[in-house]
Amino acid sequence: MRIAILLLSLVCGSATAFAGRDFSWPHDLSKCHVYKISGHSYELCAISAPAGDQQRKFSLTVRDPSQLDTQDRSPAALQKAKHKLVAEQVLVPKAGEYLHYEMVTPLDLDDDTWIIQVPWVKGTPEDYDEARSVLYVYDGKRNRFTEAWSSPACTPKCKGQTLQLRGKPGVPGKQVFVQQTVGDEHRSIELRWDGKRLAPAK
């Protein structure tokens, strides 16, 4: 299994560890990585942002760290500038859910395509019993996210969810495994990537 080349990993913003359970935290919370895709470096971020009183909004973004989102080179403009936005996926929770943004997992399916596990928890990342995962496929040639699959609920007393790939270098097809830990039980859900689509294994 070949994992996308990790060049940089950082938690953005000034949040402290307790901020994940504070829906009124006034700043963005995010986990970002820079990966190679199609021979170029891109920054993938999972973001939890304030959205009013006791509310958060969630998204995935892909940005080009070699470019800024402004042509204005004044000191004031550069201070506010971000890396150029390439693609964005708004993430919509179900009632009572919170994006476990620190555990969002991107892996590469091939040189141009990522699969991204987006874990949702019922409650907060520090205090939950129920969770689920949604898998997105990111097409680096078209700069487009596609929601590909949603897991059954990991309950009761869900302790974690992980994503694994198995395959041979240069071969388009891959096995995709979503692992869920429920109490002392380990559940494994197998899917197949045929080079174009993700579907449950037969």
C-alpha atoms as a PDB file:
ATOM      1  CA  MET A   1       0.000   0.000   0.000  1.00  0.00           C
ATOM      2  CA  ARG A   2       1.422   3.328  -1.030  1.00  0.00           C
ATOM      3  CA  ILE A   3       0.334   6.229   1.127  1.00  0.00           C
ATOM      4  CA  ALA A   4       0.378   9.741  -0.335  1.00  0.00           C
ATOM      5  CA  ILE A   5       3.697  11.457   0.289  1.00  0.00           C
ATOM      6  CA  LEU A   6       3.419  13.489   3.465  1.00  0.00           C
ATOM      7  CA  LEU A   7       5.526  16.609   3.316  1.00  0.00           C
ATOM      8  CA  LEU A   8       4.086  18.591   6.173  1.00  0.00           C
ATOM      9  CA  SER A   9       1.541  18.032   8.936  1.00  0.00           C
ATOM     10  CA  LEU A  10       0.279  20.777  11.188  1.00  0.00           C
ATOM     11  CA  VAL A  11      -2.651  21.766  13.326  1.00  0.00           C
ATOM     12  CA  CYS A  12      -3.638  25.281  12.258  1.00  0.00           C
ATOM     13  CA  GLY A  13      -4.872  28.061  14.495  1.00  0.00           C
ATOM     14  CA  SER A  14      -4.301  28.782  18.165  1.00  0.00           C
ATOM     15  CA  ALA A  15      -6.786  26.299  19.641  1.00  0.00           C
ATOM     16  CA  THR A  16      -5.910  24.384  22.768  1.00  0.00           C
ATOM     17  CA  ALA A  17      -6.786  20.754  23.390  1.00  0.00           C
ATOM     18  CA  PHE A  18     -10.075  21.510  25.137  1.00  0.00           C
ATOM     19  CA  ALA A  19     -11.433  23.624  22.291  1.00  0.00           C
ATOM     20  CA  GLY A  20     -12.905  20.619  20.463  1.00  0.00           C
ATOM     21  CA  ARG A  21     -15.706  20.403  23.036  1.00  0.00           C
ATOM     22  CA  ASP A  22     -16.363  24.164  23.030  1.00  0.00           C
ATOM     23  CA  PHE A  23     -18.855  24.978  20.280  1.00  0.00           C
ATOM     24  CA  SER A  24     -18.470  28.691  21.054  1.00  0.00           C
ATOM     25  CA  TRP A  25     -14.701  28.738  20.333  1.00  0.00           C
ATOM     26  CA  PRO A  26     -14.334  31.901  18.173  1.00  0.00           C
ATOM     27  CA  HIS A  27     -11.571  30.659  15.869  1.00  0.00           C
ATOM     28  CA  ASP A  28     -11.148  28.085  13.111  1.00  0.00           C
ATOM     29  CA  LEU A  29      -9.930  24.656  14.164  1.00  0.00           C
ATOM     30  CA  SER A  30      -8.216  22.651  11.442  1.00  0.00           C
ATOM     31  CA  LYS A  31      -5.884  19.779  10.627  1.00  0.00           C
ATOM     32  CA  CYS A  32      -3.816  20.259   7.467  1.00  0.00           C
ATOM     33  CA  HIS A  33      -1.413  18.139   5.435  1.00  0.00           C
ATOM     34  CA  VAL A  34       0.556  18.869   2.282  1.00  0.00           C
ATOM     35  CA  TYR A  35       0.591  16.026  -0.250  1.00  0.00           C
ATOM     36  CA  LYS A  36       1.870  15.391  -3.735  1.00  0.00           C
ATOM     37  CA  ILE A  37      -0.780  14.896  -6.399  1.00  0.00           C
ATOM     38  CA  SER A  38      -0.121  14.879 -10.128  1.00  0.00           C
ATOM     39  CA  GLY A  39       3.460  15.881  -9.289  1.00  0.00           C
ATOM     40  CA  HIS A  40       2.440  19.073  -7.495  1.00  0.00           C
ATOM     41  CA  SER A  41       2.111  19.852  -3.785  1.00  0.00           C
ATOM     42  CA  TYR A  42      -1.355  20.679  -2.421  1.00  0.00           C
ATOM     43  CA  GLU A  43      -2.584  21.434   1.076  1.00  0.00           C
ATOM     44  CA  LEU A  44      -5.604  19.446   2.276  1.00  0.00           C
ATOM     45  CA  CYS A  45      -7.384  20.782   5.377  1.00  0.00           C
ATOM     46  CA  ALA A  46     -10.315  19.602   7.466  1.00  0.00           C
ATOM     47  CA  ILE A  47     -11.878  22.678   9.062  1.00  0.00           C
ATOM     48  CA  SER A  48     -14.245  23.353  11.956  1.00  0.00           C
ATOM     49  CA  ALA A  49     -15.215  27.036  11.889  1.00  0.00           C
ATOM     50  CA  PRO A  50     -17.473  29.187  14.077  1.00  0.00           C
ATOM     51  CA  ALA A  51     -20.981  29.729  12.683  1.00  0.00           C
ATOM     52  CA  GLY A  52     -22.858  31.760  15.267  1.00  0.00           C
ATOM     53  CA  ASP A  53     -23.997  31.025  18.803  1.00  0.00           C
ATOM     54  CA  GLN A  54     -22.945  27.508  19.843  1.00  0.00           C
ATOM     55  CA  GLN A  55     -22.710  26.429  16.195  1.00  0.00           C
ATOM     56  CA  ARG A  56     -19.898  25.170  13.959  1.00  0.00           C
ATOM     57  CA  LYS A  57     -19.607  24.676  10.203  1.00  0.00           C
ATOM     58  CA  PHE A  58     -17.334  22.071   8.623  1.00  0.00           C
ATOM     59  CA  SER A  59     -15.496  21.672   5.319  1.00  0.00           C
ATOM     60  CA  LEU A  60     -12.620  20.100   3.412  1.00  0.00           C
ATOM     61  CA  THR A  61     -10.414  22.418   1.371  1.00  0.00           C
ATOM     62  CA  VAL A  62      -7.585  21.894  -1.096  1.00  0.00           C
ATOM     63  CA  ARG A  63      -5.214  24.828  -1.567  1.00  0.00           C
ATOM     64  CA  ASP A  64      -2.119  25.478  -3.666  1.00  0.00           C
ATOM     65  CA  PRO A  65       0.698  26.521  -1.287  1.00  0.00           C
ATOM     66  CA  SER A  66       2.743  27.911  -4.193  1.00  0.00           C
ATOM     67  CA  GLN A  67       0.169  30.666  -4.839  1.00  0.00           C
ATOM     68  CA  LEU A  68      -1.723  33.263  -2.814  1.00  0.00           C
ATOM     69  CA  ASP A  69      -5.402  34.140  -3.182  1.00  0.00           C
ATOM     70  CA  THR A  70      -4.645  37.816  -3.825  1.00  0.00           C
ATOM     71  CA  GLN A  71      -2.636  39.822  -6.348  1.00  0.00           C
ATOM     72  CA  ASP A  72      -2.285  42.680  -3.873  1.00  0.00           C
ATOM     73  CA  ARG A  73       1.256  42.679  -2.520  1.00  0.00           C
ATOM     74  CA  SER A  74       0.774  45.372   0.106  1.00  0.00           C
ATOM     75  CA  PRO A  75       1.806  44.364   3.644  1.00  0.00           C
ATOM     76  CA  ALA A  76      -1.803  44.576   4.884  1.00  0.00           C
ATOM     77  CA  ALA A  77      -3.105  42.348   2.062  1.00  0.00           C
ATOM     78  CA  LEU A  78      -0.306  39.813   2.455  1.00  0.00           C
ATOM     79  CA  GLN A  79      -0.989  39.542   6.171  1.00  0.00           C
ATOM     80  CA  LYS A  80      -4.570  38.458   5.426  1.00  0.00           C
ATOM     81  CA  ALA A  81      -3.750  36.342   2.361  1.00  0.00           C
ATOM     82  CA  LYS A  82      -4.276  32.589   2.233  1.00  0.00           C
ATOM     83  CA  HIS A  83      -2.996  29.952  -0.146  1.00  0.00           C
ATOM     84  CA  LYS A  84      -5.040  29.831  -3.345  1.00  0.00           C
ATOM     85  CA  LEU A  85      -8.228  27.777  -3.000  1.00  0.00           C
ATOM     86  CA  VAL A  86      -8.435  24.935  -5.523  1.00  0.00           C
ATOM     87  CA  ALA A  87     -11.486  23.001  -4.273  1.00  0.00           C
ATOM     88  CA  GLU A  88     -13.859  22.956  -1.322  1.00  0.00           C
ATOM     89  CA  GLN A  89     -16.354  20.429   0.022  1.00  0.00           C
ATOM     90  CA  VAL A  90     -18.943  21.565   2.563  1.00  0.00           C
ATOM     91  CA  LEU A  91     -19.544  18.843   5.167  1.00  0.00           C
ATOM     92  CA  VAL A  92     -23.056  18.601   6.621  1.00  0.00           C
ATOM     93  CA  PRO A  93     -23.515  16.833   9.985  1.00  0.00           C
ATOM     94  CA  LYS A  94     -26.598  15.041  11.178  1.00  0.00           C
ATOM     95  CA  ALA A  95     -28.332  16.330  14.324  1.00  0.00           C
ATOM     96  CA  GLY A  96     -25.960  16.328  17.298  1.00  0.00           C
ATOM     97  CA  GLU A  97     -22.844  15.422  15.293  1.00  0.00           C
ATOM     98  CA  TYR A  98     -19.398  17.031  15.339  1.00  0.00           C
ATOM     99  CA  LEU A  99     -16.594  16.603  12.818  1.00  0.00           C
ATOM    100  CA  HIS A 100     -13.653  14.770  14.386  1.00  0.00           C
ATOM    101  CA  TYR A 101     -11.411  16.944  12.235  1.00  0.00           C
ATOM    102  CA  GLU A 102      -8.131  15.778  13.769  1.00  0.00           C
ATOM    103  CA  MET A 103      -8.863  12.221  12.596  1.00  0.00           C
ATOM    104  CA  VAL A 104      -9.732  13.028   8.967  1.00  0.00           C
ATOM    105  CA  THR A 105      -7.584  10.595   6.964  1.00  0.00           C
ATOM    106  CA  PRO A 106      -6.469  11.058   3.329  1.00  0.00           C
ATOM    107  CA  LEU A 107      -4.799   8.190   1.444  1.00  0.00           C
ATOM    108  CA  ASP A 108      -3.875   8.051  -2.225  1.00  0.00           C
ATOM    109  CA  LEU A 109      -5.672   5.687  -4.585  1.00  0.00           C
ATOM    110  CA  ASP A 110      -3.354   6.638  -7.468  1.00  0.00           C
ATOM    111  CA  ASP A 111      -1.218   9.583  -8.585  1.00  0.00           C
ATOM    112  CA  ASP A 112      -4.266  11.781  -9.200  1.00  0.00           C
ATOM    113  CA  THR A 113      -6.850  10.560  -6.692  1.00  0.00           C
ATOM    114  CA  TRP A 114      -7.253  10.613  -2.929  1.00  0.00           C
ATOM    115  CA  ILE A 115      -9.751   8.810  -0.740  1.00  0.00           C
ATOM    116  CA  ILE A 116     -10.602  10.765   2.408  1.00  0.00           C
ATOM    117  CA  GLN A 117     -12.225   9.364   5.541  1.00  0.00           C
ATOM    118  CA  VAL A 118     -14.399  11.959   7.287  1.00  0.00           C
ATOM    119  CA  PRO A 119     -15.320  10.750  10.802  1.00  0.00           C
ATOM    120  CA  TRP A 120     -18.409  12.140  12.551  1.00  0.00           C
ATOM    121  CA  VAL A 121     -19.077  11.669  16.264  1.00  0.00           C
ATOM    122  CA  LYS A 122     -22.372  12.069  18.144  1.00  0.00           C
ATOM    123  CA  GLY A 123     -21.298  14.575  20.761  1.00  0.00           C
ATOM    124  CA  THR A 124     -17.702  15.847  20.691  1.00  0.00           C
ATOM    125  CA  PRO A 125     -14.335  14.191  19.890  1.00  0.00           C
ATOM    126  CA  GLU A 126     -13.638  13.978  23.640  1.00  0.00           C
ATOM    127  CA  ASP A 127     -17.021  12.558  24.682  1.00  0.00           C
ATOM    128  CA  TYR A 128     -19.036  10.270  22.405  1.00  0.00           C
ATOM    129  CA  ASP A 129     -20.462   6.751  22.186  1.00  0.00           C
ATOM    130  CA  GLU A 130     -21.717   6.779  18.578  1.00  0.00           C
ATOM    131  CA  ALA A 131     -19.830   7.584  15.368  1.00  0.00           C
ATOM    132  CA  ARG A 132     -19.841   7.019  11.612  1.00  0.00           C
ATOM    133  CA  SER A 133     -17.566   7.659   8.628  1.00  0.00           C
ATOM    134  CA  VAL A 134     -18.181   9.184   5.219  1.00  0.00           C
ATOM    135  CA  LEU A 135     -15.679   8.502   2.434  1.00  0.00           C
ATOM    136  CA  TYR A 136     -14.976  11.130  -0.212  1.00  0.00           C
ATOM    137  CA  VAL A 137     -12.953  10.705  -3.389  1.00  0.00           C
ATOM    138  CA  TYR A 138     -10.934  13.700  -4.552  1.00  0.00           C
ATOM    139  CA  ASP A 139     -10.159  13.851  -8.285  1.00  0.00           C
ATOM    140  CA  GLY A 140      -6.977  15.877  -8.654  1.00  0.00           C
ATOM    141  CA  LYS A 141      -7.346  16.243 -12.418  1.00  0.00           C
ATOM    142  CA  ARG A 142     -10.788  17.858 -12.131  1.00  0.00           C
ATOM    143  CA  ASN A 143     -10.271  19.387  -8.672  1.00  0.00           C
ATOM    144  CA  ARG A 144     -13.514  17.836  -7.477  1.00  0.00           C
ATOM    145  CA  PHE A 145     -14.774  16.022  -4.369  1.00  0.00           C
ATOM    146  CA  THR A 146     -17.354  13.229  -4.631  1.00  0.00           C
ATOM    147  CA  GLU A 147     -19.134  11.621  -1.699  1.00  0.00           C
ATOM    148  CA  ALA A 148     -18.549   7.920  -2.332  1.00  0.00           C
ATOM    149  CA  TRP A 149     -19.814   5.947   0.685  1.00  0.00           C
ATOM    150  CA  SER A 150     -21.263   6.300   4.190  1.00  0.00           C
ATOM    151  CA  SER A 151     -20.707   3.734   6.938  1.00  0.00           C
ATOM    152  CA  PRO A 152     -23.270   2.244   9.292  1.00  0.00           C
ATOM    153  CA  ALA A 153     -23.237   3.678  12.798  1.00  0.00           C
ATOM    154  CA  CYS A 154     -20.366   2.622  15.039  1.00  0.00           C
ATOM    155  CA  THR A 155     -22.289   2.024  18.273  1.00  0.00           C
ATOM    156  CA  PRO A 156     -22.563   1.455  21.200  1.00  0.00           C
ATOM    157  CA  LYS A 157     -19.394   2.713  22.905  1.00  0.00           C
ATOM    158  CA  CYS A 158     -17.501   3.374  19.690  1.00  0.00           C
ATOM    159  CA  LYS A 159     -13.808   3.821  20.429  1.00  0.00           C
ATOM    160  CA  GLY A 160     -12.452   4.649  17.005  1.00  0.00           C
ATOM    161  CA  GLN A 161     -12.577   4.435  13.210  1.00  0.00           C
ATOM    162  CA  THR A 162      -9.647   3.986  10.828  1.00  0.00           C
ATOM    163  CA  LEU A 163      -9.088   3.665   7.078  1.00  0.00           C
ATOM    164  CA  GLN A 164      -6.733   1.189   5.376  1.00  0.00           C
ATOM    165  CA  LEU A 165      -5.845   0.385   1.760  1.00  0.00           C
ATOM    166  CA  ARG A 166      -4.408  -2.738   0.171  1.00  0.00           C
ATOM    167  CA  GLY A 167      -3.174  -2.961  -3.378  1.00  0.00           C
ATOM    168  CA  LYS A 168      -0.206  -3.384  -5.695  1.00  0.00           C
ATOM    169  CA  PRO A 169       1.823  -0.447  -7.060  1.00  0.00           C
ATOM    170  CA  GLY A 170       0.672   0.522 -10.553  1.00  0.00           C
ATOM    171  CA  VAL A 171      -2.522  -1.555 -10.352  1.00  0.00           C
ATOM    172  CA  PRO A 172      -5.706   0.608 -10.365  1.00  0.00           C
ATOM    173  CA  GLY A 173      -7.880  -1.646  -8.189  1.00  0.00           C
ATOM    174  CA  LYS A 174      -7.547  -1.463  -4.400  1.00  0.00           C
ATOM    175  CA  GLN A 175      -9.187  -2.949  -1.354  1.00  0.00           C
ATOM    176  CA  VAL A 176     -10.484  -0.311   1.044  1.00  0.00           C
ATOM    177  CA  PHE A 177     -11.134  -1.217   4.689  1.00  0.00           C
ATOM    178  CA  VAL A 178     -13.023   0.867   7.221  1.00  0.00           C
ATOM    179  CA  GLN A 179     -12.179  -0.416  10.691  1.00  0.00           C
ATOM    180  CA  GLN A 180     -14.496   0.322  13.616  1.00  0.00           C
ATOM    181  CA  THR A 181     -13.688  -0.467  17.253  1.00  0.00           C
ATOM    182  CA  VAL A 182     -16.802  -1.015  19.388  1.00  0.00           C
ATOM    183  CA  GLY A 183     -15.918  -1.817  22.980  1.00  0.00           C
ATOM    184  CA  ASP A 184     -13.491  -4.746  22.655  1.00  0.00           C
ATOM    185  CA  GLU A 185     -14.845  -5.763  19.243  1.00  0.00           C
ATOM    186  CA  HIS A 186     -13.142  -4.883  15.960  1.00  0.00           C
ATOM    187  CA  ARG A 187     -15.362  -4.586  12.882  1.00  0.00           C
ATOM    188  CA  SER A 188     -13.997  -4.441   9.348  1.00  0.00           C
ATOM    189  CA  ILE A 189     -16.002  -3.238   6.349  1.00  0.00           C
ATOM    190  CA  GLU A 190     -14.462  -4.011   2.955  1.00  0.00           C
ATOM    191  CA  LEU A 191     -14.998  -1.943  -0.186  1.00  0.00           C
ATOM    192  CA  ARG A 192     -13.377  -2.056  -3.622  1.00  0.00           C
ATOM    193  CA  TRP A 193     -11.941   0.746  -5.718  1.00  0.00           C
ATOM    194  CA  ASP A 194     -11.856  -0.284  -9.395  1.00  0.00           C
ATOM    195  CA  GLY A 195      -9.993   2.802 -10.595  1.00  0.00           C
ATOM    196  CA  LYS A 196     -13.191   4.797 -11.120  1.00  0.00           C
ATOM    197  CA  ARG A 197     -15.742   3.886  -8.444  1.00  0.00           C
ATOM    198  CA  LEU A 198     -15.908   2.804  -4.821  1.00  0.00           C
ATOM    199  CA  ALA A 199     -18.411   0.062  -3.968  1.00  0.00           C
ATOM    200  CA  PRO A 200     -18.984  -2.587  -1.250  1.00  0.00           C
ATOM    201  CA  ALA A 201     -16.954  -5.735  -1.849  1.00  0.00           C
ATOM    202  CA  LYS A 202     -18.929  -8.713  -3.154  1.00  0.00           C
END
